[in-house]
Amino acid sequence: MLSCKTLVRLAFLLAAIAVGCAAAAAHLLDGWLDSSHLHQWEVAARILFWHALGLWICGRGYRGPGNLMLVSTVIFCGSVLALSVGASSWLGVLAPIGGTGLIISWLWLAVAAPPG
């Protein structure tokens, strides 16, 4: 399992990647991708950013949920980004797996968070 310090560093890295993906959507991919694929790309960038913030939260001592969130974010966002630029359709089966992992990681945080 990754340390909390590593989770925080990876959170910042994912946030930077998310901003880069959003910039690519706004400046490079508009006109290159059809509207449906551009929308997929933008959704993946948005989810990536939100989960970078979630990973940062996990770096405050929630290693288990953080590790699950990291892996699930890479699976979900990676597959959606790849699909949006024309990757093989078999990657579509990975998105729900990653999405389920993201939901579970947030639920795990809800249970693990101290009361009050």
C-alpha atoms as a PDB file:
ATOM      1  CA  MET A   1       0.000   0.000   0.000  1.00  0.00           C
ATOM      2  CA  LEU A   2       1.206   3.493  -0.787  1.00  0.00           C
ATOM      3  CA  SER A   3       2.037   5.875   2.049  1.00  0.00           C
ATOM      4  CA  CYS A   4      -0.090   8.923   2.818  1.00  0.00           C
ATOM      5  CA  LYS A   5       2.734  11.188   1.632  1.00  0.00           C
ATOM      6  CA  THR A   6       2.819   9.355  -1.712  1.00  0.00           C
ATOM      7  CA  LEU A   7      -0.975   9.597  -2.038  1.00  0.00           C
ATOM      8  CA  VAL A   8      -0.768  13.366  -1.568  1.00  0.00           C
ATOM      9  CA  ARG A   9       1.987  13.711  -4.167  1.00  0.00           C
ATOM     10  CA  LEU A  10      -0.001  11.587  -6.609  1.00  0.00           C
ATOM     11  CA  ALA A  11      -3.092  13.680  -5.866  1.00  0.00           C
ATOM     12  CA  PHE A  12      -1.228  16.794  -6.973  1.00  0.00           C
ATOM     13  CA  LEU A  13       0.080  15.009 -10.055  1.00  0.00           C
ATOM     14  CA  LEU A  14      -3.440  13.854 -11.005  1.00  0.00           C
ATOM     15  CA  ALA A  15      -4.756  17.389 -10.504  1.00  0.00           C
ATOM     16  CA  ALA A  16      -2.097  18.715 -12.884  1.00  0.00           C
ATOM     17  CA  ILE A  17      -2.977  16.038 -15.430  1.00  0.00           C
ATOM     18  CA  ALA A  18      -6.671  16.923 -15.092  1.00  0.00           C
ATOM     19  CA  VAL A  19      -5.955  20.594 -15.794  1.00  0.00           C
ATOM     20  CA  GLY A  20      -3.881  19.561 -18.809  1.00  0.00           C
ATOM     21  CA  CYS A  21      -6.733  17.375 -20.069  1.00  0.00           C
ATOM     22  CA  ALA A  22      -9.187  20.245 -19.669  1.00  0.00           C
ATOM     23  CA  ALA A  23      -6.857  22.571 -21.536  1.00  0.00           C
ATOM     24  CA  ALA A  24      -6.448  20.000 -24.300  1.00  0.00           C
ATOM     25  CA  ALA A  25     -10.229  19.762 -24.616  1.00  0.00           C
ATOM     26  CA  ALA A  26     -10.558  23.534 -24.860  1.00  0.00           C
ATOM     27  CA  HIS A  27      -7.658  24.227 -27.215  1.00  0.00           C
ATOM     28  CA  LEU A  28      -6.578  21.115 -29.072  1.00  0.00           C
ATOM     29  CA  LEU A  29      -9.377  18.591 -29.291  1.00  0.00           C
ATOM     30  CA  ASP A  30     -12.254  20.899 -30.202  1.00  0.00           C
ATOM     31  CA  GLY A  31     -12.767  20.264 -33.900  1.00  0.00           C
ATOM     32  CA  TRP A  32     -10.659  17.120 -33.852  1.00  0.00           C
ATOM     33  CA  LEU A  33     -13.132  15.050 -31.830  1.00  0.00           C
ATOM     34  CA  ASP A  34     -16.860  14.914 -32.497  1.00  0.00           C
ATOM     35  CA  SER A  35     -19.070  16.412 -29.787  1.00  0.00           C
ATOM     36  CA  SER A  36     -19.843  13.056 -28.143  1.00  0.00           C
ATOM     37  CA  HIS A  37     -16.182  12.091 -27.799  1.00  0.00           C
ATOM     38  CA  LEU A  38     -15.219  15.598 -26.684  1.00  0.00           C
ATOM     39  CA  HIS A  39     -17.910  15.367 -24.008  1.00  0.00           C
ATOM     40  CA  GLN A  40     -16.472  12.008 -22.850  1.00  0.00           C
ATOM     41  CA  TRP A  41     -13.017  13.579 -22.621  1.00  0.00           C
ATOM     42  CA  GLU A  42     -14.340  16.546 -20.617  1.00  0.00           C
ATOM     43  CA  VAL A  43     -16.256  14.301 -18.199  1.00  0.00           C
ATOM     44  CA  ALA A  44     -13.151  12.176 -17.617  1.00  0.00           C
ATOM     45  CA  ALA A  45     -11.057  15.312 -16.980  1.00  0.00           C
ATOM     46  CA  ARG A  46     -13.629  16.607 -14.490  1.00  0.00           C
ATOM     47  CA  ILE A  47     -13.851  13.252 -12.679  1.00  0.00           C
ATOM     48  CA  LEU A  48     -10.053  13.075 -12.633  1.00  0.00           C
ATOM     49  CA  PHE A  49      -9.821  16.475 -10.957  1.00  0.00           C
ATOM     50  CA  TRP A  50     -12.471  15.725  -8.338  1.00  0.00           C
ATOM     51  CA  HIS A  51     -10.803  12.462  -7.461  1.00  0.00           C
ATOM     52  CA  ALA A  52      -7.410  14.141  -7.250  1.00  0.00           C
ATOM     53  CA  LEU A  53      -8.995  16.229  -4.487  1.00  0.00           C
ATOM     54  CA  GLY A  54     -10.433  13.062  -2.958  1.00  0.00           C
ATOM     55  CA  LEU A  55      -7.007  11.473  -3.040  1.00  0.00           C
ATOM     56  CA  TRP A  56      -5.588  14.529  -1.293  1.00  0.00           C
ATOM     57  CA  ILE A  57      -8.188  14.021   1.449  1.00  0.00           C
ATOM     58  CA  CYS A  58      -7.156  10.363   1.675  1.00  0.00           C
ATOM     59  CA  GLY A  59      -3.582  11.501   2.257  1.00  0.00           C
ATOM     60  CA  ARG A  60      -4.708  12.689   5.700  1.00  0.00           C
ATOM     61  CA  GLY A  61      -4.528   9.147   7.039  1.00  0.00           C
ATOM     62  CA  TYR A  62      -6.902   7.090   4.904  1.00  0.00           C
ATOM     63  CA  ARG A  63      -4.490   4.820   3.082  1.00  0.00           C
ATOM     64  CA  GLY A  64      -6.940   2.008   2.287  1.00  0.00           C
ATOM     65  CA  PRO A  65      -9.599   4.168   0.642  1.00  0.00           C
ATOM     66  CA  GLY A  66      -6.853   6.262  -0.937  1.00  0.00           C
ATOM     67  CA  ASN A  67      -5.184   3.328  -2.625  1.00  0.00           C
ATOM     68  CA  LEU A  68      -8.540   2.099  -3.920  1.00  0.00           C
ATOM     69  CA  MET A  69      -9.410   5.609  -5.120  1.00  0.00           C
ATOM     70  CA  LEU A  70      -6.087   5.950  -6.935  1.00  0.00           C
ATOM     71  CA  VAL A  71      -6.389   2.650  -8.779  1.00  0.00           C
ATOM     72  CA  SER A  72     -10.068   3.231  -9.573  1.00  0.00           C
ATOM     73  CA  THR A  73      -9.404   6.760 -10.849  1.00  0.00           C
ATOM     74  CA  VAL A  74      -6.696   5.534 -13.189  1.00  0.00           C
ATOM     75  CA  ILE A  75      -8.929   2.728 -14.458  1.00  0.00           C
ATOM     76  CA  PHE A  76     -12.038   4.876 -14.908  1.00  0.00           C
ATOM     77  CA  CYS A  77     -10.491   8.058 -16.261  1.00  0.00           C
ATOM     78  CA  GLY A  78      -7.841   6.271 -18.264  1.00  0.00           C
ATOM     79  CA  SER A  79     -10.367   4.081 -20.034  1.00  0.00           C
ATOM     80  CA  VAL A  80     -12.776   6.951 -20.753  1.00  0.00           C
ATOM     81  CA  LEU A  81      -9.992   9.216 -22.029  1.00  0.00           C
ATOM     82  CA  ALA A  82      -8.652   6.415 -24.223  1.00  0.00           C
ATOM     83  CA  LEU A  83     -12.118   5.593 -25.589  1.00  0.00           C
ATOM     84  CA  SER A  84     -12.767   9.228 -26.413  1.00  0.00           C
ATOM     85  CA  VAL A  85      -9.757   9.335 -28.735  1.00  0.00           C
ATOM     86  CA  GLY A  86     -10.601   6.083 -30.482  1.00  0.00           C
ATOM     87  CA  ALA A  87      -9.049   3.299 -28.421  1.00  0.00           C
ATOM     88  CA  SER A  88     -10.394  -0.197 -28.763  1.00  0.00           C
ATOM     89  CA  SER A  89     -13.965  -0.572 -27.538  1.00  0.00           C
ATOM     90  CA  TRP A  90     -13.030  -3.421 -25.154  1.00  0.00           C
ATOM     91  CA  LEU A  91     -11.729  -0.699 -22.804  1.00  0.00           C
ATOM     92  CA  GLY A  92     -15.374   0.208 -22.237  1.00  0.00           C
ATOM     93  CA  VAL A  93     -15.685  -2.706 -19.809  1.00  0.00           C
ATOM     94  CA  LEU A  94     -13.093  -1.081 -17.542  1.00  0.00           C
ATOM     95  CA  ALA A  95     -15.019   2.161 -16.909  1.00  0.00           C
ATOM     96  CA  PRO A  96     -17.764   0.578 -14.765  1.00  0.00           C
ATOM     97  CA  ILE A  97     -15.143  -1.340 -12.781  1.00  0.00           C
ATOM     98  CA  GLY A  98     -13.279   1.890 -12.069  1.00  0.00           C
ATOM     99  CA  GLY A  99     -16.511   3.737 -11.322  1.00  0.00           C
ATOM    100  CA  THR A 100     -17.591   1.079  -8.856  1.00  0.00           C
ATOM    101  CA  GLY A 101     -14.213   1.331  -7.150  1.00  0.00           C
ATOM    102  CA  LEU A 102     -14.632   5.102  -6.881  1.00  0.00           C
ATOM    103  CA  ILE A 103     -18.042   4.739  -5.256  1.00  0.00           C
ATOM    104  CA  ILE A 104     -16.689   2.132  -2.831  1.00  0.00           C
ATOM    105  CA  SER A 105     -13.703   4.332  -1.939  1.00  0.00           C
ATOM    106  CA  TRP A 106     -16.019   7.237  -1.019  1.00  0.00           C
ATOM    107  CA  LEU A 107     -18.255   4.920   1.020  1.00  0.00           C
ATOM    108  CA  TRP A 108     -15.158   3.534   2.740  1.00  0.00           C
ATOM    109  CA  LEU A 109     -14.170   7.116   3.640  1.00  0.00           C
ATOM    110  CA  ALA A 110     -17.655   7.719   5.045  1.00  0.00           C
ATOM    111  CA  VAL A 111     -17.260   4.713   7.334  1.00  0.00           C
ATOM    112  CA  ALA A 112     -13.617   5.407   8.222  1.00  0.00           C
ATOM    113  CA  ALA A 113     -14.020   9.112   9.031  1.00  0.00           C
ATOM    114  CA  PRO A 114     -14.107   9.880  12.733  1.00  0.00           C
ATOM    115  CA  PRO A 115     -17.502  10.865  14.122  1.00  0.00           C
ATOM    116  CA  GLY A 116     -18.246  14.418  15.101  1.00  0.00           C
END
